[in-house]
Amino acid sequence: MDKKRRVKTLGSLLFIIYLLFLVWIILFKLQFSLNDIDPIRFVNLIPFHYTNAVSELFQIKEIRDNVLIFIPFGILLSMLAPKMNLRSKILIIFGTSFAFETMQYILSIGVTDITDLITNVSGGIIGIFSYAFLLKLVKDKQRIDAAISIFGSILAVLFSGLMSILLLANQ
């Protein structure tokens, strides 16, 4: 298998691992047991509005985290589908975030929040533009894709190791 094909295969594998990671964060709230998830079914359609007495610092942290967690989505999507237009990429990111928010409501495992949708899509767009910026800066797609794949693989291995340790410690 040539280098270009290996990088594409590794990128696809990283994208799948990343999506599983998103499921664990968004739907399972970083819990190892479904019993540890508080049943909540609430819809918030007012952007950046929090009805409970949550501190402002928490709100800013949650917004930041939602943006950051979707940046890799935009980067990996741009890497794997370089010919896809911007609108299609944004629609895929929006659709994925919307599906997560809908699943939270259906499964009664979190607040379905318009703010999450806005910040997730914003993070994905930042990822798309970050990848485009790297392409303009380096001008070598294969090199950028290889670097992203290697960096992502290292993070995936480290994360998997950490999760294994946490899983064993919680049994």
Protein backbone atom coordinates (compact mmCIF):
# COMPACT_ATOMS: atom_id res chain seq x y z
CA MET A 1 0.00 0.00 0.00
CA ASP A 2 1.45 3.37 -0.98
CA LYS A 3 1.96 6.17 1.51
CA LYS A 4 -0.98 8.26 0.28
CA ARG A 5 -3.39 5.33 0.68
CA ARG A 6 -2.02 4.50 4.15
CA VAL A 7 -2.53 8.08 5.30
CA LYS A 8 -6.12 8.08 3.94
CA THR A 9 -6.85 4.75 5.67
CA LEU A 10 -5.36 5.99 8.94
CA GLY A 11 -7.31 9.24 8.62
CA SER A 12 -10.54 7.28 8.12
CA LEU A 13 -9.79 5.13 11.16
CA LEU A 14 -9.05 8.24 13.23
CA PHE A 15 -12.35 9.76 12.14
CA ILE A 16 -14.23 6.66 13.30
CA ILE A 17 -12.39 6.71 16.64
CA TYR A 18 -13.12 10.42 16.97
CA LEU A 19 -16.84 9.85 16.32
CA LEU A 20 -16.91 7.14 18.99
CA PHE A 21 -15.21 9.57 21.34
CA LEU A 22 -17.91 12.16 20.56
CA VAL A 23 -20.62 9.62 21.35
CA TRP A 24 -18.99 8.88 24.69
CA ILE A 25 -18.64 12.56 25.57
CA ILE A 26 -21.98 13.87 24.30
CA LEU A 27 -24.32 10.96 24.90
CA PHE A 28 -22.66 9.13 27.77
CA LYS A 29 -21.29 12.22 29.54
CA LEU A 30 -17.88 10.58 30.06
CA GLN A 31 -19.49 7.91 32.25
CA PHE A 32 -18.63 4.22 32.23
CA SER A 33 -22.08 3.12 33.37
CA LEU A 34 -25.49 4.13 32.06
CA ASN A 35 -26.72 4.12 35.67
CA ASP A 36 -24.42 7.07 36.42
CA ILE A 37 -26.16 9.34 33.91
CA ASP A 38 -28.87 11.55 35.38
CA PRO A 39 -32.07 11.33 33.34
CA ILE A 40 -32.79 14.78 31.95
CA ARG A 41 -35.17 15.70 29.15
CA PHE A 42 -35.20 19.42 28.50
CA VAL A 43 -35.04 21.58 25.38
CA ASN A 44 -33.47 25.03 25.40
CA LEU A 45 -34.17 27.01 22.22
CA ILE A 46 -32.82 30.33 23.51
CA PRO A 47 -29.17 30.70 22.44
CA PHE A 48 -26.65 31.24 25.24
CA HIS A 49 -29.37 31.20 27.90
CA TYR A 50 -29.11 29.03 30.97
CA THR A 51 -32.19 28.64 33.15
CA ASN A 52 -30.49 27.18 36.19
CA ALA A 53 -28.20 28.99 38.58
CA VAL A 54 -25.04 27.81 36.89
CA SER A 55 -22.09 30.11 37.26
CA GLU A 56 -20.96 32.26 34.35
CA LEU A 57 -17.56 30.58 34.46
CA PHE A 58 -19.19 27.19 33.88
CA GLN A 59 -21.16 28.57 30.94
CA ILE A 60 -18.03 29.97 29.29
CA LYS A 61 -16.18 26.69 29.92
CA GLU A 62 -19.04 24.68 28.40
CA ILE A 63 -19.14 26.94 25.34
CA ARG A 64 -15.35 26.68 24.95
CA ASP A 65 -15.43 22.90 25.34
CA ASN A 66 -18.20 22.52 22.75
CA VAL A 67 -16.23 24.58 20.24
CA LEU A 68 -12.96 22.73 20.93
CA ILE A 69 -14.47 19.24 20.75
CA PHE A 70 -15.74 19.84 17.19
CA ILE A 71 -12.58 21.40 15.72
CA PRO A 72 -11.14 17.94 14.89
CA PHE A 73 -14.41 17.14 13.07
CA GLY A 74 -13.80 19.98 10.63
CA ILE A 75 -10.13 19.10 10.22
CA LEU A 76 -10.71 15.39 9.62
CA LEU A 77 -13.67 16.00 7.32
CA SER A 78 -11.60 18.43 5.24
CA MET A 79 -8.73 15.95 5.14
CA LEU A 80 -10.91 13.04 4.04
CA ALA A 81 -13.17 14.95 1.63
CA PRO A 82 -10.97 17.65 0.09
CA LYS A 83 -13.23 18.17 -2.94
CA MET A 84 -16.41 18.61 -0.89
CA ASN A 85 -17.64 22.21 -0.88
CA LEU A 86 -17.81 24.30 2.28
CA ARG A 87 -21.61 24.27 2.51
CA SER A 88 -21.73 20.46 2.37
CA LYS A 89 -19.09 20.17 5.09
CA ILE A 90 -20.99 22.59 7.31
CA LEU A 91 -24.23 20.69 6.68
CA ILE A 92 -22.56 17.42 7.70
CA ILE A 93 -21.24 19.00 10.90
CA PHE A 94 -24.64 20.56 11.60
CA GLY A 95 -26.42 17.26 10.91
CA THR A 96 -24.10 15.33 13.21
CA SER A 97 -24.49 17.85 16.03
CA PHE A 98 -28.26 17.95 15.50
CA ALA A 99 -28.38 14.14 15.64
CA PHE A 100 -26.48 14.17 18.95
CA GLU A 101 -28.81 16.79 20.41
CA THR A 102 -31.86 14.84 19.23
CA MET A 103 -30.49 11.60 20.69
CA GLN A 104 -29.96 13.33 24.03
CA TYR A 105 -33.64 14.24 24.06
CA ILE A 106 -34.89 10.85 22.88
CA LEU A 107 -32.72 8.96 25.37
CA SER A 108 -33.41 11.48 28.13
CA ILE A 109 -29.71 11.91 28.85
CA GLY A 110 -29.07 15.60 28.61
CA VAL A 111 -30.29 19.04 27.73
CA THR A 112 -31.05 19.51 24.06
CA ASP A 113 -29.62 22.97 23.62
CA ILE A 114 -29.46 25.34 20.67
CA THR A 115 -26.27 26.79 22.17
CA ASP A 116 -24.58 23.40 21.83
CA LEU A 117 -25.63 23.24 18.19
CA ILE A 118 -24.25 26.73 17.51
CA THR A 119 -20.96 26.12 19.32
CA ASN A 120 -20.45 22.64 17.84
CA VAL A 121 -20.93 23.94 14.30
CA SER A 122 -18.66 26.90 15.07
CA GLY A 123 -15.94 24.49 16.20
CA GLY A 124 -16.34 22.44 13.03
CA ILE A 125 -16.05 25.58 10.90
CA ILE A 126 -12.90 26.60 12.79
CA GLY A 127 -11.52 23.12 11.99
CA ILE A 128 -12.35 23.50 8.29
CA PHE A 129 -10.65 26.89 8.10
CA SER A 130 -7.68 25.68 10.18
CA TYR A 131 -7.11 22.87 7.68
CA ALA A 132 -7.44 25.31 4.75
CA PHE A 133 -4.96 27.65 6.47
CA LEU A 134 -2.47 24.80 6.89
CA LEU A 135 -2.85 23.93 3.21
CA LYS A 136 -2.11 27.51 2.19
CA LEU A 137 0.82 27.69 4.60
CA VAL A 138 2.51 24.37 3.77
CA LYS A 139 1.18 23.82 0.23
CA ASP A 140 1.60 20.05 0.52
CA LYS A 141 -1.63 18.18 1.26
CA GLN A 142 0.06 14.81 1.63
CA ARG A 143 2.49 16.16 4.19
CA ILE A 144 -0.27 17.87 6.22
CA ASP A 145 -2.45 14.76 6.10
CA ALA A 146 0.46 12.60 7.25
CA ALA A 147 1.21 14.98 10.14
CA ILE A 148 -2.45 15.07 11.20
CA SER A 149 -2.67 11.27 10.97
CA ILE A 150 0.48 10.75 13.05
CA PHE A 151 -0.55 13.35 15.65
CA GLY A 152 -4.08 11.95 15.78
CA SER A 153 -2.77 8.40 16.15
CA ILE A 154 -0.56 9.38 19.06
CA LEU A 155 -3.52 11.10 20.75
CA ALA A 156 -5.78 8.10 20.07
CA VAL A 157 -3.27 5.69 21.62
CA LEU A 158 -2.74 7.92 24.65
CA PHE A 159 -6.48 8.40 25.07
CA SER A 160 -7.19 4.68 24.70
CA GLY A 161 -4.57 3.90 27.32
CA LEU A 162 -6.05 6.45 29.71
CA MET A 163 -9.56 5.10 29.15
CA SER A 164 -8.35 1.54 29.76
CA ILE A 165 -6.79 2.59 33.05
CA LEU A 166 -9.95 4.45 34.11
CA LEU A 167 -12.15 1.53 33.07
CA LEU A 168 -10.07 -0.95 35.06
CA ALA A 169 -10.00 1.38 38.08
CA ASN A 170 -13.82 1.72 38.03
CA GLN A 171 -14.55 -2.01 38.11
